[in-house]
Amino acid sequence: TWPDGLASLSNKLRDFIGFERQSALVPAPTDKPVLMSGTAFKVTEQPDKVEILIGTVENGRFHTIQVNAKKVISTMPLFVASRVITNIKNYGFDPKAHMPVYAPWMVSNFIFNQYPQEQKGTQLAWDNVVYEGKGLGYVVSTHQLIRAAKPERTAFTAYYALDEDEPETIRKWLAIAEDTELVTKAASDLQQAYPKDLWRHLQQIDITLRAHAMHAPTPGYLSNEGTKALQQH
């Protein structure tokens, strides 16, 4: 596990391919792969090319440019691609019929000025799951601070899948939920693991709401005709 996560892997891949960084506003001729910063807003396939409308910020100003390509590989989440790729239905994917269900969830960081006390007979691991807990467990985010002993301060990252209702209903609730409601859910596993000690050393809680996250593995997910059509295209 790298301290900077998957950035290490993507950087190594980029170095191996040999990308040359280039301004999107003043493209220069090159025979090597080019890396340009920007966000694709619209992708339209024409008979002889693919047009990509890109937004980019350079020198503090926002610009839009059009890139023409022979081929485009889209790796966006489908709920984004359905809004960016023009006439995505032409490729056999109908967003109303084929869009996967996206599960809303919470990622919460609990910052402690010292470790909470473990219960008798238990041992803290990097990745912890509470028996019959309501959440998805928690990880010790300071596990890579290698020392002769534990660091004094630590952070636990807890995960909670909001599966109590239909995703659309949960997303509407997230928009109006009170802080105390979110904290109660976020702390459910930790409250069970540290019933007497959780709040004693806690300094702060940072909660991130993921209104769109991973595909939920609902029945028929693997045989989705729309996603199969996109893959084949």
Protein backbone atom coordinates (compact mmCIF):
# COMPACT_ATOMS: atom_id res chain seq x y z
CA THR A 1 0.00 0.00 0.00
CA TRP A 2 1.46 3.36 -1.03
CA PRO A 3 1.11 6.42 1.22
CA ASP A 4 -0.43 8.34 -1.71
CA GLY A 5 -2.79 5.52 -2.69
CA LEU A 6 -3.44 4.71 -6.34
CA ALA A 7 -1.67 7.90 -7.45
CA SER A 8 1.59 5.95 -7.28
CA LEU A 9 0.25 3.30 -9.66
CA SER A 10 -1.15 5.80 -12.17
CA ASN A 11 2.08 7.83 -12.09
CA LYS A 12 4.17 4.72 -12.77
CA LEU A 13 1.90 3.76 -15.68
CA ARG A 14 2.14 7.29 -17.07
CA ASP A 15 5.95 7.23 -16.82
CA PHE A 16 6.11 3.83 -18.51
CA ILE A 17 3.95 4.97 -21.43
CA GLY A 18 6.10 8.09 -21.80
CA PHE A 19 3.44 10.82 -21.89
CA GLU A 20 4.56 14.32 -22.78
CA ARG A 21 2.68 17.02 -20.91
CA GLN A 22 1.28 19.61 -23.26
CA SER A 23 -0.87 22.72 -23.10
CA ALA A 24 -4.37 22.10 -24.37
CA LEU A 25 -4.43 25.62 -25.83
CA VAL A 26 -1.23 25.42 -27.89
CA PRO A 27 -0.79 21.80 -29.00
CA ALA A 28 2.66 21.10 -30.44
CA PRO A 29 3.52 18.35 -32.96
CA THR A 30 4.91 15.25 -31.28
CA ASP A 31 5.28 11.57 -32.05
CA LYS A 32 4.82 10.57 -28.39
CA PRO A 33 1.64 10.14 -26.36
CA VAL A 34 0.41 13.50 -25.07
CA LEU A 35 -1.14 14.29 -21.71
CA MET A 36 -3.41 17.37 -21.59
CA SER A 37 -5.36 18.56 -18.57
CA GLY A 38 -9.06 19.15 -19.01
CA THR A 39 -12.58 17.82 -18.53
CA ALA A 40 -14.67 16.36 -21.32
CA PHE A 41 -18.06 18.05 -21.45
CA LYS A 42 -19.39 16.55 -24.66
CA VAL A 43 -18.38 13.64 -26.89
CA THR A 44 -19.98 13.36 -30.34
CA GLU A 45 -19.21 10.70 -32.92
CA GLN A 46 -19.28 11.91 -36.52
CA PRO A 47 -18.96 9.70 -39.64
CA ASP A 48 -15.24 10.48 -40.03
CA LYS A 49 -14.12 11.46 -36.50
CA VAL A 50 -15.06 11.87 -32.84
CA GLU A 51 -15.40 15.42 -31.48
CA ILE A 52 -14.62 16.08 -27.80
CA LEU A 53 -15.50 19.42 -26.22
CA ILE A 54 -13.04 19.98 -23.38
CA GLY A 55 -12.98 22.58 -20.62
CA THR A 56 -9.60 23.50 -19.16
CA VAL A 57 -8.12 26.14 -16.85
CA GLU A 58 -4.80 27.70 -17.76
CA ASN A 59 -3.22 30.83 -16.27
CA GLY A 60 -6.26 31.27 -14.05
CA ARG A 61 -8.74 31.46 -16.95
CA PHE A 62 -11.31 28.94 -18.15
CA HIS A 63 -11.18 27.89 -21.80
CA THR A 64 -13.05 25.45 -24.01
CA ILE A 65 -11.41 23.65 -26.91
CA GLN A 66 -12.45 20.95 -29.35
CA VAL A 67 -10.28 17.90 -29.94
CA ASN A 68 -10.89 15.68 -32.97
CA ALA A 69 -9.94 12.03 -32.61
CA LYS A 70 -10.07 8.82 -34.60
CA LYS A 71 -11.16 6.90 -31.50
CA VAL A 72 -12.21 7.75 -27.97
CA ILE A 73 -12.13 5.43 -24.95
CA SER A 74 -14.55 6.55 -22.25
CA THR A 75 -13.92 5.34 -18.71
CA MET A 76 -16.44 7.60 -16.98
CA PRO A 77 -19.02 6.27 -14.55
CA LEU A 78 -22.16 5.52 -16.53
CA PHE A 79 -24.26 8.17 -14.79
CA VAL A 80 -21.72 10.74 -16.05
CA ALA A 81 -21.20 9.20 -19.48
CA SER A 82 -24.95 9.23 -20.12
CA ARG A 83 -24.83 13.04 -19.91
CA VAL A 84 -21.55 13.57 -21.77
CA ILE A 85 -21.74 11.13 -24.69
CA THR A 86 -24.16 12.43 -27.31
CA ASN A 87 -26.92 9.97 -28.25
CA ILE A 88 -25.61 7.21 -26.00
CA LYS A 89 -28.75 5.25 -26.94
CA ASN A 90 -27.20 4.76 -30.38
CA TYR A 91 -24.71 2.38 -28.75
CA GLY A 92 -27.43 0.21 -27.22
CA PHE A 93 -27.47 1.85 -23.76
CA ASP A 94 -30.76 3.42 -22.65
CA PRO A 95 -30.16 5.25 -19.33
CA LYS A 96 -33.78 4.80 -18.24
CA ALA A 97 -33.72 1.04 -18.80
CA HIS A 98 -30.07 0.09 -18.28
CA MET A 99 -28.62 2.49 -15.70
CA PRO A 100 -27.24 0.49 -12.74
CA VAL A 101 -28.38 1.28 -9.22
CA TYR A 102 -25.84 3.45 -7.35
CA ALA A 103 -25.57 2.95 -3.60
CA PRO A 104 -25.22 6.08 -1.43
CA TRP A 105 -22.87 5.76 1.54
CA MET A 106 -20.77 7.70 4.05
CA VAL A 107 -17.03 7.84 4.67
CA SER A 108 -16.18 9.32 8.08
CA ASN A 109 -12.85 10.19 9.67
CA PHE A 110 -12.69 10.10 13.48
CA ILE A 111 -9.68 12.04 14.81
CA PHE A 112 -8.44 10.95 18.26
CA ASN A 113 -5.81 12.59 20.49
CA GLN A 114 -5.01 9.07 21.69
CA TYR A 115 -6.16 5.55 20.90
CA PRO A 116 -9.44 4.42 22.46
CA GLN A 117 -9.05 1.45 24.80
CA GLU A 118 -9.63 -1.97 23.24
CA GLN A 119 -12.03 -4.33 24.93
CA LYS A 120 -10.57 -7.30 26.80
CA GLY A 121 -9.63 -10.14 24.48
CA THR A 122 -9.63 -8.04 21.32
CA GLN A 123 -6.78 -6.57 19.29
CA LEU A 124 -6.78 -3.58 16.97
CA ALA A 125 -6.06 -4.40 13.33
CA TRP A 126 -5.60 -2.23 10.27
CA ASP A 127 -9.03 -3.24 8.91
CA ASN A 128 -11.71 -3.91 11.52
CA VAL A 129 -15.23 -5.29 11.12
CA VAL A 130 -17.68 -5.34 14.01
CA TYR A 131 -19.68 -8.55 14.45
CA GLU A 132 -23.29 -7.86 13.41
CA GLY A 133 -22.43 -4.19 13.06
CA LYS A 134 -24.62 -1.85 11.02
CA GLY A 135 -21.68 -0.31 9.17
CA LEU A 136 -18.95 -1.71 6.95
CA GLY A 137 -16.26 -1.47 9.62
CA TYR A 138 -13.34 0.92 9.97
CA VAL A 139 -9.63 1.15 9.17
CA VAL A 140 -6.79 2.68 11.17
CA SER A 141 -5.63 5.44 8.85
CA THR A 142 -2.31 5.91 10.69
CA HIS A 143 -1.25 2.29 10.14
CA GLN A 144 1.59 3.36 7.82
CA LEU A 145 3.24 5.58 10.42
CA ILE A 146 5.84 2.95 11.18
CA ARG A 147 7.38 3.50 14.63
CA ALA A 148 8.73 1.48 17.54
CA ALA A 149 5.36 2.13 19.16
CA LYS A 150 1.94 3.44 18.16
CA PRO A 151 1.77 7.16 17.34
CA GLU A 152 0.07 9.16 20.07
CA ARG A 153 -2.68 10.52 17.83
CA THR A 154 -4.64 8.53 15.27
CA ALA A 155 -7.53 8.61 12.82
CA PHE A 156 -10.08 5.88 12.19
CA THR A 157 -11.95 5.88 8.88
CA ALA A 158 -15.41 4.33 9.13
CA TYR A 159 -17.62 3.23 6.24
CA TYR A 160 -21.40 3.05 6.28
CA ALA A 161 -23.61 1.88 3.41
CA LEU A 162 -26.97 3.64 3.47
CA ASP A 163 -29.12 0.68 2.49
CA GLU A 164 -32.13 1.23 4.75
CA ASP A 165 -34.30 2.38 1.84
CA GLU A 166 -34.28 2.87 -1.92
CA PRO A 167 -31.19 4.84 -3.07
CA GLU A 168 -33.25 7.75 -4.41
CA THR A 169 -35.07 8.07 -1.09
CA ILE A 170 -31.77 7.96 0.81
CA ARG A 171 -30.26 10.69 -1.41
CA LYS A 172 -33.20 12.98 -0.69
CA TRP A 173 -32.77 12.30 3.03
CA LEU A 174 -29.04 13.08 2.85
CA ALA A 175 -29.86 16.53 1.44
CA ILE A 176 -31.79 17.47 4.61
CA ALA A 177 -30.30 15.20 7.30
CA GLU A 178 -29.22 16.80 10.59
CA ASP A 179 -25.60 16.52 11.73
CA THR A 180 -26.61 14.45 14.75
CA GLU A 181 -28.39 11.90 12.51
CA LEU A 182 -25.32 11.51 10.34
CA VAL A 183 -22.99 11.17 13.34
CA THR A 184 -25.20 8.48 14.87
CA LYS A 185 -24.93 6.36 11.72
CA ALA A 186 -21.25 7.11 11.10
CA ALA A 187 -20.30 6.13 14.66
CA SER A 188 -22.45 3.00 14.91
CA ASP A 189 -19.60 0.47 14.55
CA LEU A 190 -17.17 2.46 16.69
CA GLN A 191 -19.82 2.93 19.37
CA GLN A 192 -20.22 -0.83 19.51
CA ALA A 193 -16.46 -1.47 19.62
CA TYR A 194 -15.76 1.26 22.20
CA PRO A 195 -18.97 1.68 24.23
CA LYS A 196 -17.25 3.48 27.15
CA ASP A 197 -14.24 5.09 25.51
CA LEU A 198 -15.29 6.42 22.09
CA TRP A 199 -16.01 10.05 22.94
CA ARG A 200 -13.32 10.51 25.61
CA HIS A 201 -10.42 11.12 23.23
CA LEU A 202 -12.32 12.17 20.10
CA GLN A 203 -11.32 15.58 18.71
CA GLN A 204 -13.39 15.85 15.55
CA ILE A 205 -15.43 13.94 12.97
CA ASP A 206 -15.25 14.65 9.24
CA ILE A 207 -18.13 13.06 7.32
CA THR A 208 -18.20 12.78 3.54
CA LEU A 209 -21.47 11.90 1.82
CA ARG A 210 -21.18 9.81 -1.33
CA ALA A 211 -24.49 10.33 -3.11
CA HIS A 212 -23.18 8.30 -6.06
CA ALA A 213 -20.73 5.53 -5.34
CA MET A 214 -20.34 1.99 -6.61
CA HIS A 215 -22.84 -0.07 -8.57
CA ALA A 216 -25.09 -2.07 -6.31
CA PRO A 217 -25.02 -5.78 -7.29
CA THR A 218 -28.76 -6.03 -7.86
CA PRO A 219 -30.32 -9.11 -9.56
CA GLY A 220 -29.52 -9.06 -13.28
CA TYR A 221 -26.54 -6.74 -12.87
CA LEU A 222 -24.10 -9.07 -14.66
CA SER A 223 -26.47 -9.61 -17.60
CA ASN A 224 -27.27 -5.93 -18.20
CA GLU A 225 -27.78 -5.70 -21.97
CA GLY A 226 -27.01 -1.98 -22.07
CA THR A 227 -23.58 -2.28 -20.46
CA LYS A 228 -22.78 -5.29 -22.64
CA ALA A 229 -23.60 -3.23 -25.73
CA LEU A 230 -21.27 -0.43 -24.60
CA GLN A 231 -18.43 -2.88 -23.92
CA GLN A 232 -18.79 -4.43 -27.36
CA HIS A 233 -18.84 -1.04 -29.04
